[in-house]
Amino acid sequence: MLSLFTTFADWLAFSLLGLVPGSKLGGAVQFFIEDTTKIFFLLVLMIYVIALIRASLNINRVRDYLASKNKFIGYLMGSTFGAITPFCSCSSIPIFLGFTSAGIPVGITMSFLITSPLINEVAVLLLLSLVGWQITVIYILVGVAIGIAAGMFLDLIRAEKMLQPFALKAYQTASQPDSPQKTHAKLTFKARHDFAKAELLDILTRVWKWVFIGVGLGAALHGFVPDLWFAANLGSGQWWSVPMAVLAGIPLYSNATGIIPVMESLIIKGLPLGTTLAFCMSTVAASFPEFILLKQVMTWKLLTIIFMLLLVSFTLVGWIINVIYI
């Protein structure tokens, strides 16, 4: 399904607009078209569907189960769901909004949000071919553990209080006893559709321009990853090279598929595997475009906490993989 966005972007950028494949301008325009269409599709689909489910089904049992009875299971489910979904950080935000609007505990939602770009099927397949299943399994387990730990910490500090007012209101409304889930049996399909449509339009009007701004910034930076510089300056394997690689990846932006050629190039040129993974995870999951979008649903305080959690997580993954894979 997601390949359709790539095909459409290729056709629009290279066939209709006549840009040159492989050029910096062509790559930037293709990247912008692919990511914006994908994110808007996910925004419309996920927010509408989840809102329709909220108005149609009684999900209080699921929410209560995740919130109080088996919270660790909830963190594990959120983190695992993030690991198996093929979304970059910006693409994960529509699902984050849908989960929040459904009243799912913020820590569980954050477990998904952090793990989704951290682990992706393309990186898993690449690691399997390059270093074997043992290192790949360690990478997956560490990523899931980071998502669980981050979710537990964010629930501990009551992160829901640091959402933007409209997101907090949606979360609190869904958590009330008289939320639409309680009255779903009395609603006609038209009423459920109207509820979902209103919620979709409310969120879209708040975030649509930030999708263009965030992805536009990422597209402008796309293709300018100086892999030769990284291999030359961070290839010695010293402890500080991992956090340096993480920090260097923040201004850049790529989706999970686009970063794979960079990973291959860096590994071939001698950059340690853990350092390479840390850099690529930072580029995919802690970039400026992602935080431009997240700022629309989170306060600066929560955004800073998420940012620091990601930096520490990527650094730990890099250190662990470098120690194991010598």
C-alpha atoms as a PDB file:
ATOM      1  CA  MET A   1       0.000   0.000   0.000  1.00  0.00           C
ATOM      2  CA  LEU A   2       2.699   2.466   1.012  1.00  0.00           C
ATOM      3  CA  SER A   3       4.543   1.766  -2.277  1.00  0.00           C
ATOM      4  CA  LEU A   4       1.651   3.470  -4.079  1.00  0.00           C
ATOM      5  CA  PHE A   5       2.758   6.789  -2.589  1.00  0.00           C
ATOM      6  CA  THR A   6       6.267   6.242  -3.937  1.00  0.00           C
ATOM      7  CA  THR A   7       4.905   5.379  -7.391  1.00  0.00           C
ATOM      8  CA  PHE A   8       2.653   8.436  -7.400  1.00  0.00           C
ATOM      9  CA  ALA A   9       5.483  10.718  -6.242  1.00  0.00           C
ATOM     10  CA  ASP A  10       7.833   9.317  -8.901  1.00  0.00           C
ATOM     11  CA  TRP A  11       5.236   9.885 -11.619  1.00  0.00           C
ATOM     12  CA  LEU A  12       4.392  13.422 -10.499  1.00  0.00           C
ATOM     13  CA  ALA A  13       7.991  14.562  -9.940  1.00  0.00           C
ATOM     14  CA  PHE A  14       9.783  12.848 -12.798  1.00  0.00           C
ATOM     15  CA  SER A  15       7.141  12.269 -15.486  1.00  0.00           C
ATOM     16  CA  LEU A  16       4.689  15.144 -15.079  1.00  0.00           C
ATOM     17  CA  LEU A  17       7.076  17.819 -13.775  1.00  0.00           C
ATOM     18  CA  GLY A  18      10.021  16.523 -15.789  1.00  0.00           C
ATOM     19  CA  LEU A  19      12.568  16.640 -12.955  1.00  0.00           C
ATOM     20  CA  VAL A  20      15.727  14.551 -13.244  1.00  0.00           C
ATOM     21  CA  PRO A  21      15.805  11.377 -11.105  1.00  0.00           C
ATOM     22  CA  GLY A  22      18.855  11.341  -8.862  1.00  0.00           C
ATOM     23  CA  SER A  23      19.233  15.125  -8.838  1.00  0.00           C
ATOM     24  CA  LYS A  24      19.021  17.024  -5.559  1.00  0.00           C
ATOM     25  CA  LEU A  25      15.977  19.022  -6.695  1.00  0.00           C
ATOM     26  CA  GLY A  26      14.236  15.973  -8.116  1.00  0.00           C
ATOM     27  CA  GLY A  27      14.929  13.964  -4.979  1.00  0.00           C
ATOM     28  CA  ALA A  28      13.662  16.762  -2.736  1.00  0.00           C
ATOM     29  CA  VAL A  29      10.423  17.253  -4.698  1.00  0.00           C
ATOM     30  CA  GLN A  30       9.781  13.511  -4.928  1.00  0.00           C
ATOM     31  CA  PHE A  31      10.393  13.149  -1.190  1.00  0.00           C
ATOM     32  CA  PHE A  32       8.024  16.049  -0.393  1.00  0.00           C
ATOM     33  CA  ILE A  33       5.211  14.657  -2.554  1.00  0.00           C
ATOM     34  CA  GLU A  34       5.563  11.123  -1.189  1.00  0.00           C
ATOM     35  CA  ASP A  35       5.635  12.092   2.488  1.00  0.00           C
ATOM     36  CA  THR A  36       2.873  14.720   2.377  1.00  0.00           C
ATOM     37  CA  THR A  37       0.450  12.464   0.499  1.00  0.00           C
ATOM     38  CA  LYS A  38       1.230   9.564   2.840  1.00  0.00           C
ATOM     39  CA  ILE A  39       0.823  11.635   6.003  1.00  0.00           C
ATOM     40  CA  PHE A  40      -2.443  13.247   4.881  1.00  0.00           C
ATOM     41  CA  PHE A  41      -3.815   9.860   3.845  1.00  0.00           C
ATOM     42  CA  LEU A  42      -2.954   8.456   7.263  1.00  0.00           C
ATOM     43  CA  LEU A  43      -4.351  11.518   9.021  1.00  0.00           C
ATOM     44  CA  VAL A  44      -7.705  11.228   7.274  1.00  0.00           C
ATOM     45  CA  LEU A  45      -7.928   7.449   7.509  1.00  0.00           C
ATOM     46  CA  MET A  46      -6.715   6.871  11.059  1.00  0.00           C
ATOM     47  CA  ILE A  47      -8.450   9.794  12.762  1.00  0.00           C
ATOM     48  CA  TYR A  48     -11.772   9.125  11.026  1.00  0.00           C
ATOM     49  CA  VAL A  49     -11.693   5.352  11.560  1.00  0.00           C
ATOM     50  CA  ILE A  50     -10.669   5.562  15.216  1.00  0.00           C
ATOM     51  CA  ALA A  51     -13.269   8.269  15.877  1.00  0.00           C
ATOM     52  CA  LEU A  52     -15.911   6.137  14.153  1.00  0.00           C
ATOM     53  CA  ILE A  53     -14.932   3.163  16.320  1.00  0.00           C
ATOM     54  CA  ARG A  54     -15.110   5.325  19.425  1.00  0.00           C
ATOM     55  CA  ALA A  55     -18.651   6.358  18.532  1.00  0.00           C
ATOM     56  CA  SER A  56     -19.672   2.855  17.486  1.00  0.00           C
ATOM     57  CA  LEU A  57     -18.121   0.462  19.983  1.00  0.00           C
ATOM     58  CA  ASN A  58     -17.726   0.315  23.715  1.00  0.00           C
ATOM     59  CA  ILE A  59     -13.943   0.440  24.172  1.00  0.00           C
ATOM     60  CA  ASN A  60     -14.077   1.267  27.878  1.00  0.00           C
ATOM     61  CA  ARG A  61     -13.117  -2.278  28.802  1.00  0.00           C
ATOM     62  CA  VAL A  62     -10.048  -2.173  26.581  1.00  0.00           C
ATOM     63  CA  ARG A  63      -9.060   1.258  27.844  1.00  0.00           C
ATOM     64  CA  ASP A  64      -9.542   0.309  31.489  1.00  0.00           C
ATOM     65  CA  TYR A  65      -7.652  -2.932  30.945  1.00  0.00           C
ATOM     66  CA  LEU A  66      -4.712  -1.039  29.472  1.00  0.00           C
ATOM     67  CA  ALA A  67      -4.887   1.790  31.990  1.00  0.00           C
ATOM     68  CA  SER A  68      -5.029  -0.062  35.280  1.00  0.00           C
ATOM     69  CA  LYS A  69      -5.284  -3.834  35.292  1.00  0.00           C
ATOM     70  CA  ASN A  70      -2.403  -4.834  33.042  1.00  0.00           C
ATOM     71  CA  LYS A  71      -0.493  -1.688  32.292  1.00  0.00           C
ATOM     72  CA  PHE A  72       2.768  -3.449  31.482  1.00  0.00           C
ATOM     73  CA  ILE A  73       0.891  -5.499  28.885  1.00  0.00           C
ATOM     74  CA  GLY A  74      -0.353  -2.208  27.477  1.00  0.00           C
ATOM     75  CA  TYR A  75       3.174  -0.832  27.172  1.00  0.00           C
ATOM     76  CA  LEU A  76       4.304  -4.069  25.546  1.00  0.00           C
ATOM     77  CA  MET A  77       1.382  -3.996  23.105  1.00  0.00           C
ATOM     78  CA  GLY A  78       2.010  -0.348  22.211  1.00  0.00           C
ATOM     79  CA  SER A  79       5.727  -0.920  21.713  1.00  0.00           C
ATOM     80  CA  THR A  80       5.195  -4.116  19.707  1.00  0.00           C
ATOM     81  CA  PHE A  81       2.591  -2.433  17.505  1.00  0.00           C
ATOM     82  CA  GLY A  82       5.086   0.348  16.882  1.00  0.00           C
ATOM     83  CA  ALA A  83       7.760  -2.177  15.924  1.00  0.00           C
ATOM     84  CA  ILE A  84       5.622  -3.927  13.305  1.00  0.00           C
ATOM     85  CA  THR A  85       4.118  -0.827  11.656  1.00  0.00           C
ATOM     86  CA  PRO A  86       6.100   0.544   8.679  1.00  0.00           C
ATOM     87  CA  PHE A  87       5.861   4.223   9.625  1.00  0.00           C
ATOM     88  CA  CYS A  88       8.461   6.917  10.074  1.00  0.00           C
ATOM     89  CA  SER A  89       8.098   9.388  12.929  1.00  0.00           C
ATOM     90  CA  CYS A  90       5.952  11.904  11.038  1.00  0.00           C
ATOM     91  CA  SER A  91       3.667   9.177   9.703  1.00  0.00           C
ATOM     92  CA  SER A  92       3.150   7.837  13.233  1.00  0.00           C
ATOM     93  CA  ILE A  93       1.686  11.113  14.496  1.00  0.00           C
ATOM     94  CA  PRO A  94      -1.821  10.565  12.971  1.00  0.00           C
ATOM     95  CA  ILE A  95      -2.063   7.267  14.846  1.00  0.00           C
ATOM     96  CA  PHE A  96      -0.813   8.999  18.006  1.00  0.00           C
ATOM     97  CA  LEU A  97      -3.641  11.529  17.666  1.00  0.00           C
ATOM     98  CA  GLY A  98      -6.170   8.757  17.133  1.00  0.00           C
ATOM     99  CA  PHE A  99      -5.002   6.840  20.205  1.00  0.00           C
ATOM    100  CA  THR A 100      -5.077   9.988  22.328  1.00  0.00           C
ATOM    101  CA  SER A 101      -8.580  10.840  21.131  1.00  0.00           C
ATOM    102  CA  ALA A 102      -9.689   7.328  22.076  1.00  0.00           C
ATOM    103  CA  GLY A 103      -8.536   7.858  25.659  1.00  0.00           C
ATOM    104  CA  ILE A 104      -5.717   5.300  25.486  1.00  0.00           C
ATOM    105  CA  PRO A 105      -3.201   6.118  28.274  1.00  0.00           C
ATOM    106  CA  VAL A 106      -0.523   8.494  27.021  1.00  0.00           C
ATOM    107  CA  GLY A 107       2.339   6.275  28.177  1.00  0.00           C
ATOM    108  CA  ILE A 108       1.063   3.388  26.041  1.00  0.00           C
ATOM    109  CA  THR A 109       0.596   5.719  23.095  1.00  0.00           C
ATOM    110  CA  MET A 110       4.120   7.051  23.593  1.00  0.00           C
ATOM    111  CA  SER A 111       5.477   3.498  23.608  1.00  0.00           C
ATOM    112  CA  PHE A 112       4.061   3.179  20.111  1.00  0.00           C
ATOM    113  CA  LEU A 113       5.263   6.607  18.986  1.00  0.00           C
ATOM    114  CA  ILE A 114       8.851   6.001  20.083  1.00  0.00           C
ATOM    115  CA  THR A 115       9.180   2.407  18.891  1.00  0.00           C
ATOM    116  CA  SER A 116       7.533   2.871  15.482  1.00  0.00           C
ATOM    117  CA  PRO A 117      10.399   4.782  13.825  1.00  0.00           C
ATOM    118  CA  LEU A 118      13.001   3.079  16.024  1.00  0.00           C
ATOM    119  CA  ILE A 119      12.354  -0.360  14.534  1.00  0.00           C
ATOM    120  CA  ASN A 120      11.278  -0.874  10.945  1.00  0.00           C
ATOM    121  CA  GLU A 121      11.098  -3.896   8.706  1.00  0.00           C
ATOM    122  CA  VAL A 122      13.563  -2.490   6.156  1.00  0.00           C
ATOM    123  CA  ALA A 123      16.284  -2.011   8.776  1.00  0.00           C
ATOM    124  CA  VAL A 124      15.558  -5.480  10.157  1.00  0.00           C
ATOM    125  CA  LEU A 125      15.994  -7.088   6.725  1.00  0.00           C
ATOM    126  CA  LEU A 126      19.183  -5.111   6.114  1.00  0.00           C
ATOM    127  CA  LEU A 127      20.641  -6.135   9.464  1.00  0.00           C
ATOM    128  CA  LEU A 128      19.728  -9.772   8.814  1.00  0.00           C
ATOM    129  CA  SER A 129      21.659  -9.699   5.553  1.00  0.00           C
ATOM    130  CA  LEU A 130      24.654  -7.799   6.970  1.00  0.00           C
ATOM    131  CA  VAL A 131      25.192  -9.107  10.514  1.00  0.00           C
ATOM    132  CA  GLY A 132      22.930 -12.119  11.028  1.00  0.00           C
ATOM    133  CA  TRP A 133      19.911 -12.889  13.172  1.00  0.00           C
ATOM    134  CA  GLN A 134      21.582 -12.595  16.605  1.00  0.00           C
ATOM    135  CA  ILE A 135      22.400  -8.874  16.308  1.00  0.00           C
ATOM    136  CA  THR A 136      19.057  -8.255  14.603  1.00  0.00           C
ATOM    137  CA  VAL A 137      17.148  -9.842  17.495  1.00  0.00           C
ATOM    138  CA  ILE A 138      19.146  -7.768  19.993  1.00  0.00           C
ATOM    139  CA  TYR A 139      18.304  -4.621  18.016  1.00  0.00           C
ATOM    140  CA  ILE A 140      14.575  -5.465  18.098  1.00  0.00           C
ATOM    141  CA  LEU A 141      14.541  -6.384  21.795  1.00  0.00           C
ATOM    142  CA  VAL A 142      16.446  -3.254  22.814  1.00  0.00           C
ATOM    143  CA  GLY A 143      14.110  -1.080  20.725  1.00  0.00           C
ATOM    144  CA  VAL A 144      10.976  -2.614  22.255  1.00  0.00           C
ATOM    145  CA  ALA A 145      12.460  -2.320  25.756  1.00  0.00           C
ATOM    146  CA  ILE A 146      13.190   1.364  25.160  1.00  0.00           C
ATOM    147  CA  GLY A 147       9.579   1.949  24.067  1.00  0.00           C
ATOM    148  CA  ILE A 148       8.244   0.196  27.177  1.00  0.00           C
ATOM    149  CA  ALA A 149      10.585   2.075  29.537  1.00  0.00           C
ATOM    150  CA  ALA A 150       9.742   5.425  27.919  1.00  0.00           C
ATOM    151  CA  GLY A 151       6.007   4.755  28.211  1.00  0.00           C
ATOM    152  CA  MET A 152       6.307   3.817  31.886  1.00  0.00           C
ATOM    153  CA  PHE A 153       8.326   6.952  32.620  1.00  0.00           C
ATOM    154  CA  LEU A 154       5.913   9.256  30.776  1.00  0.00           C
ATOM    155  CA  ASP A 155       2.915   7.825  32.635  1.00  0.00           C
ATOM    156  CA  LEU A 156       4.827   8.240  35.878  1.00  0.00           C
ATOM    157  CA  ILE A 157       5.260  11.978  35.270  1.00  0.00           C
ATOM    158  CA  ARG A 158       1.622  12.340  34.044  1.00  0.00           C
ATOM    159  CA  ALA A 159       2.596  13.325  30.522  1.00  0.00           C
ATOM    160  CA  GLU A 160      -1.042  13.779  29.483  1.00  0.00           C
ATOM    161  CA  LYS A 161      -1.064  17.083  31.376  1.00  0.00           C
ATOM    162  CA  MET A 162       1.591  18.355  28.958  1.00  0.00           C
ATOM    163  CA  LEU A 163      -0.470  17.865  25.802  1.00  0.00           C
ATOM    164  CA  GLN A 164      -1.732  20.868  23.888  1.00  0.00           C
ATOM    165  CA  PRO A 165      -5.218  21.978  25.067  1.00  0.00           C
ATOM    166  CA  PHE A 166      -7.169  20.482  22.149  1.00  0.00           C
ATOM    167  CA  ALA A 167      -5.385  17.110  22.458  1.00  0.00           C
ATOM    168  CA  LEU A 168      -5.788  17.111  26.241  1.00  0.00           C
ATOM    169  CA  LYS A 169      -9.485  17.945  25.883  1.00  0.00           C
ATOM    170  CA  ALA A 170      -9.976  15.059  23.430  1.00  0.00           C
ATOM    171  CA  TYR A 171      -8.159  12.698  25.794  1.00  0.00           C
ATOM    172  CA  GLN A 172     -10.151  13.820  28.829  1.00  0.00           C
ATOM    173  CA  THR A 173     -13.462  13.684  26.945  1.00  0.00           C
ATOM    174  CA  ALA A 174     -12.801  10.112  25.825  1.00  0.00           C
ATOM    175  CA  SER A 175     -11.941   9.164  29.412  1.00  0.00           C
ATOM    176  CA  GLN A 176     -15.223  10.414  30.870  1.00  0.00           C
ATOM    177  CA  PRO A 177     -18.035   7.990  31.790  1.00  0.00           C
ATOM    178  CA  ASP A 178     -20.431   9.802  29.430  1.00  0.00           C
ATOM    179  CA  SER A 179     -18.094   9.689  26.425  1.00  0.00           C
ATOM    180  CA  PRO A 180     -19.531   8.510  23.081  1.00  0.00           C
ATOM    181  CA  GLN A 181     -18.407   4.957  23.860  1.00  0.00           C
ATOM    182  CA  LYS A 182     -21.047   4.787  26.603  1.00  0.00           C
ATOM    183  CA  THR A 183     -23.868   5.790  24.286  1.00  0.00           C
ATOM    184  CA  HIS A 184     -22.854   4.021  21.098  1.00  0.00           C
ATOM    185  CA  ALA A 185     -25.963   1.843  21.011  1.00  0.00           C
ATOM    186  CA  LYS A 186     -28.203   4.902  20.729  1.00  0.00           C
ATOM    187  CA  LEU A 187     -26.337   6.453  17.808  1.00  0.00           C
ATOM    188  CA  THR A 188     -27.341   6.001  14.195  1.00  0.00           C
ATOM    189  CA  PHE A 189     -24.632   5.517  11.563  1.00  0.00           C
ATOM    190  CA  LYS A 190     -25.140   9.105  10.412  1.00  0.00           C
ATOM    191  CA  ALA A 191     -24.593  10.355  13.965  1.00  0.00           C
ATOM    192  CA  ARG A 192     -21.427   8.277  14.276  1.00  0.00           C
ATOM    193  CA  HIS A 193     -20.240   9.539  10.887  1.00  0.00           C
ATOM    194  CA  ASP A 194     -20.948  13.147  11.889  1.00  0.00           C
ATOM    195  CA  PHE A 195     -18.986  12.671  15.126  1.00  0.00           C
ATOM    196  CA  ALA A 196     -15.996  11.197  13.275  1.00  0.00           C
ATOM    197  CA  LYS A 197     -16.146  13.845  10.552  1.00  0.00           C
ATOM    198  CA  ALA A 198     -16.226  16.691  13.096  1.00  0.00           C
ATOM    199  CA  GLU A 199     -13.232  15.305  14.957  1.00  0.00           C
ATOM    200  CA  LEU A 200     -11.304  14.778  11.722  1.00  0.00           C
ATOM    201  CA  LEU A 201     -11.933  18.327  10.525  1.00  0.00           C
ATOM    202  CA  ASP A 202     -11.049  19.777  13.922  1.00  0.00           C
ATOM    203  CA  ILE A 203      -7.644  18.068  13.978  1.00  0.00           C
ATOM    204  CA  LEU A 204      -6.899  18.674  10.287  1.00  0.00           C
ATOM    205  CA  THR A 205      -7.520  22.407  10.572  1.00  0.00           C
ATOM    206  CA  ARG A 206      -4.967  22.551  13.386  1.00  0.00           C
ATOM    207  CA  VAL A 207      -2.137  20.561  11.842  1.00  0.00           C
ATOM    208  CA  TRP A 208      -2.368  20.638   8.029  1.00  0.00           C
ATOM    209  CA  LYS A 209      -0.027  23.594   7.495  1.00  0.00           C
ATOM    210  CA  TRP A 210       2.542  22.101   9.859  1.00  0.00           C
ATOM    211  CA  VAL A 211       2.610  18.944   7.760  1.00  0.00           C
ATOM    212  CA  PHE A 212       3.666  21.042   4.754  1.00  0.00           C
ATOM    213  CA  ILE A 213       6.199  23.012   6.803  1.00  0.00           C
ATOM    214  CA  GLY A 214       7.685  19.983   8.537  1.00  0.00           C
ATOM    215  CA  VAL A 215       7.966  17.758   5.482  1.00  0.00           C
ATOM    216  CA  GLY A 216       9.093  20.719   3.374  1.00  0.00           C
ATOM    217  CA  LEU A 217      12.016  21.268   5.724  1.00  0.00           C
ATOM    218  CA  GLY A 218      12.846  17.581   5.568  1.00  0.00           C
ATOM    219  CA  ALA A 219      12.667  17.591   1.771  1.00  0.00           C
ATOM    220  CA  ALA A 220      15.005  20.590   1.577  1.00  0.00           C
ATOM    221  CA  LEU A 221      17.568  18.690   3.638  1.00  0.00           C
ATOM    222  CA  HIS A 222      16.991  15.341   1.950  1.00  0.00           C
ATOM    223  CA  GLY A 223      19.944  13.989   0.020  1.00  0.00           C
ATOM    224  CA  PHE A 224      22.565  16.096   1.786  1.00  0.00           C
ATOM    225  CA  VAL A 225      23.773  13.423   4.212  1.00  0.00           C
ATOM    226  CA  PRO A 226      27.584  13.735   4.208  1.00  0.00           C
ATOM    227  CA  ASP A 227      28.362  10.050   4.630  1.00  0.00           C
ATOM    228  CA  LEU A 228      32.045  10.432   3.759  1.00  0.00           C
ATOM    229  CA  TRP A 229      32.505  12.967   6.564  1.00  0.00           C
ATOM    230  CA  PHE A 230      30.804  10.688   9.075  1.00  0.00           C
ATOM    231  CA  ALA A 231      32.882   7.690   8.078  1.00  0.00           C
ATOM    232  CA  ALA A 232      36.085   9.697   8.329  1.00  0.00           C
ATOM    233  CA  ASN A 233      35.385  11.413  11.648  1.00  0.00           C
ATOM    234  CA  LEU A 234      33.222   8.958  13.577  1.00  0.00           C
ATOM    235  CA  GLY A 235      34.655   5.651  12.412  1.00  0.00           C
ATOM    236  CA  SER A 236      37.200   5.111  15.179  1.00  0.00           C
ATOM    237  CA  GLY A 237      34.647   3.634  17.590  1.00  0.00           C
ATOM    238  CA  GLN A 238      35.332   5.933  20.561  1.00  0.00           C
ATOM    239  CA  TRP A 239      32.530   6.251  23.109  1.00  0.00           C
ATOM    240  CA  TRP A 240      31.744   9.834  22.149  1.00  0.00           C
ATOM    241  CA  SER A 241      31.294   8.986  18.471  1.00  0.00           C
ATOM    242  CA  VAL A 242      27.812   7.532  19.139  1.00  0.00           C
ATOM    243  CA  PRO A 243      26.265  10.606  20.820  1.00  0.00           C
ATOM    244  CA  MET A 244      28.004  12.780  18.216  1.00  0.00           C
ATOM    245  CA  ALA A 245      26.392  10.738  15.427  1.00  0.00           C
ATOM    246  CA  VAL A 246      22.996  11.073  17.131  1.00  0.00           C
ATOM    247  CA  LEU A 247      23.319  14.850  17.366  1.00  0.00           C
ATOM    248  CA  ALA A 248      24.526  15.093  13.770  1.00  0.00           C
ATOM    249  CA  GLY A 249      21.446  13.261  12.502  1.00  0.00           C
ATOM    250  CA  ILE A 250      18.927  15.662  14.045  1.00  0.00           C
ATOM    251  CA  PRO A 251      19.060  18.412  11.372  1.00  0.00           C
ATOM    252  CA  LEU A 252      18.546  15.817   8.644  1.00  0.00           C
ATOM    253  CA  TYR A 253      15.409  13.887   7.796  1.00  0.00           C
ATOM    254  CA  SER A 254      14.647  10.705   5.907  1.00  0.00           C
ATOM    255  CA  ASN A 255      12.052   7.980   6.036  1.00  0.00           C
ATOM    256  CA  ALA A 256      13.010   4.431   6.931  1.00  0.00           C
ATOM    257  CA  THR A 257      13.391   3.313   3.329  1.00  0.00           C
ATOM    258  CA  GLY A 258      15.388   6.356   2.249  1.00  0.00           C
ATOM    259  CA  ILE A 259      17.949   5.933   5.020  1.00  0.00           C
ATOM    260  CA  ILE A 260      18.866   2.351   4.036  1.00  0.00           C
ATOM    261  CA  PRO A 261      21.329   3.301   1.250  1.00  0.00           C
ATOM    262  CA  VAL A 262      23.005   5.676   3.714  1.00  0.00           C
ATOM    263  CA  MET A 263      23.294   2.861   6.283  1.00  0.00           C
ATOM    264  CA  GLU A 264      24.872   0.564   3.704  1.00  0.00           C
ATOM    265  CA  SER A 265      27.296   3.259   2.588  1.00  0.00           C
ATOM    266  CA  LEU A 266      28.382   4.116   6.137  1.00  0.00           C
ATOM    267  CA  ILE A 267      28.908   0.475   7.108  1.00  0.00           C
ATOM    268  CA  ILE A 268      30.882  -0.252   3.936  1.00  0.00           C
ATOM    269  CA  LYS A 269      33.075   2.797   4.590  1.00  0.00           C
ATOM    270  CA  GLY A 270      33.938   1.477   8.052  1.00  0.00           C
ATOM    271  CA  LEU A 271      31.574   3.262  10.448  1.00  0.00           C
ATOM    272  CA  PRO A 272      30.828   0.930  13.417  1.00  0.00           C
ATOM    273  CA  LEU A 273      27.429  -0.746  13.219  1.00  0.00           C
ATOM    274  CA  GLY A 274      26.123   0.759  16.480  1.00  0.00           C
ATOM    275  CA  THR A 275      27.218   4.258  15.480  1.00  0.00           C
ATOM    276  CA  THR A 276      25.557   3.826  12.084  1.00  0.00           C
ATOM    277  CA  LEU A 277      22.290   2.672  13.661  1.00  0.00           C
ATOM    278  CA  ALA A 278      22.325   5.547  16.159  1.00  0.00           C
ATOM    279  CA  PHE A 279      22.839   8.095  13.379  1.00  0.00           C
ATOM    280  CA  CYS A 280      20.127   6.621  11.169  1.00  0.00           C
ATOM    281  CA  MET A 281      17.597   6.326  14.004  1.00  0.00           C
ATOM    282  CA  SER A 282      18.222   9.964  14.886  1.00  0.00           C
ATOM    283  CA  THR A 283      17.697  10.980  11.263  1.00  0.00           C
ATOM    284  CA  VAL A 284      14.412   9.060  11.014  1.00  0.00           C
ATOM    285  CA  ALA A 285      12.940   9.560  14.497  1.00  0.00           C
ATOM    286  CA  ALA A 286      14.348  12.759  16.050  1.00  0.00           C
ATOM    287  CA  SER A 287      14.460  15.200  13.163  1.00  0.00           C
ATOM    288  CA  PHE A 288      13.320  18.813  13.005  1.00  0.00           C
ATOM    289  CA  PRO A 289      10.260  18.021  10.812  1.00  0.00           C
ATOM    290  CA  GLU A 290       8.946  15.510  13.338  1.00  0.00           C
ATOM    291  CA  PHE A 291       9.218  17.967  16.208  1.00  0.00           C
ATOM    292  CA  ILE A 292       7.544  20.706  14.179  1.00  0.00           C
ATOM    293  CA  LEU A 293       4.550  18.375  13.871  1.00  0.00           C
ATOM    294  CA  LEU A 294       4.705  17.137  17.461  1.00  0.00           C
ATOM    295  CA  LYS A 295       4.734  20.727  18.725  1.00  0.00           C
ATOM    296  CA  GLN A 296       1.157  21.014  17.502  1.00  0.00           C
ATOM    297  CA  VAL A 297      -0.017  18.349  19.972  1.00  0.00           C
ATOM    298  CA  MET A 298       2.552  18.698  22.788  1.00  0.00           C
ATOM    299  CA  THR A 299       3.792  21.535  24.963  1.00  0.00           C
ATOM    300  CA  TRP A 300       7.450  22.527  24.900  1.00  0.00           C
ATOM    301  CA  LYS A 301       7.996  20.759  28.209  1.00  0.00           C
ATOM    302  CA  LEU A 302       6.758  17.402  26.941  1.00  0.00           C
ATOM    303  CA  LEU A 303       8.519  17.894  23.626  1.00  0.00           C
ATOM    304  CA  THR A 304      11.821  18.451  25.437  1.00  0.00           C
ATOM    305  CA  ILE A 305      11.302  15.320  27.520  1.00  0.00           C
ATOM    306  CA  ILE A 306      10.542  13.240  24.404  1.00  0.00           C
ATOM    307  CA  PHE A 307      13.579  14.712  22.661  1.00  0.00           C
ATOM    308  CA  MET A 308      15.917  13.806  25.524  1.00  0.00           C
ATOM    309  CA  LEU A 309      14.419  10.306  25.799  1.00  0.00           C
ATOM    310  CA  LEU A 310      15.070   9.713  22.112  1.00  0.00           C
ATOM    311  CA  LEU A 311      18.651  10.983  22.264  1.00  0.00           C
ATOM    312  CA  VAL A 312      19.463   8.810  25.276  1.00  0.00           C
ATOM    313  CA  SER A 313      17.713   5.806  23.698  1.00  0.00           C
ATOM    314  CA  PHE A 314      19.575   6.061  20.404  1.00  0.00           C
ATOM    315  CA  THR A 315      22.881   6.489  22.201  1.00  0.00           C
ATOM    316  CA  LEU A 316      22.251   3.425  24.368  1.00  0.00           C
ATOM    317  CA  VAL A 317      21.339   1.320  21.320  1.00  0.00           C
ATOM    318  CA  GLY A 318      24.508   2.456  19.561  1.00  0.00           C
ATOM    319  CA  TRP A 319      26.722   1.693  22.546  1.00  0.00           C
ATOM    320  CA  ILE A 320      25.141  -1.734  23.129  1.00  0.00           C
ATOM    321  CA  ILE A 321      25.458  -2.801  19.482  1.00  0.00           C
ATOM    322  CA  ASN A 322      29.052  -1.520  19.286  1.00  0.00           C
ATOM    323  CA  VAL A 323      30.009  -3.490  22.403  1.00  0.00           C
ATOM    324  CA  ILE A 324      28.365  -6.687  21.148  1.00  0.00           C
ATOM    325  CA  TYR A 325      29.377  -6.421  17.495  1.00  0.00           C
ATOM    326  CA  ILE A 326      33.178  -6.175  17.674  1.00  0.00           C
END
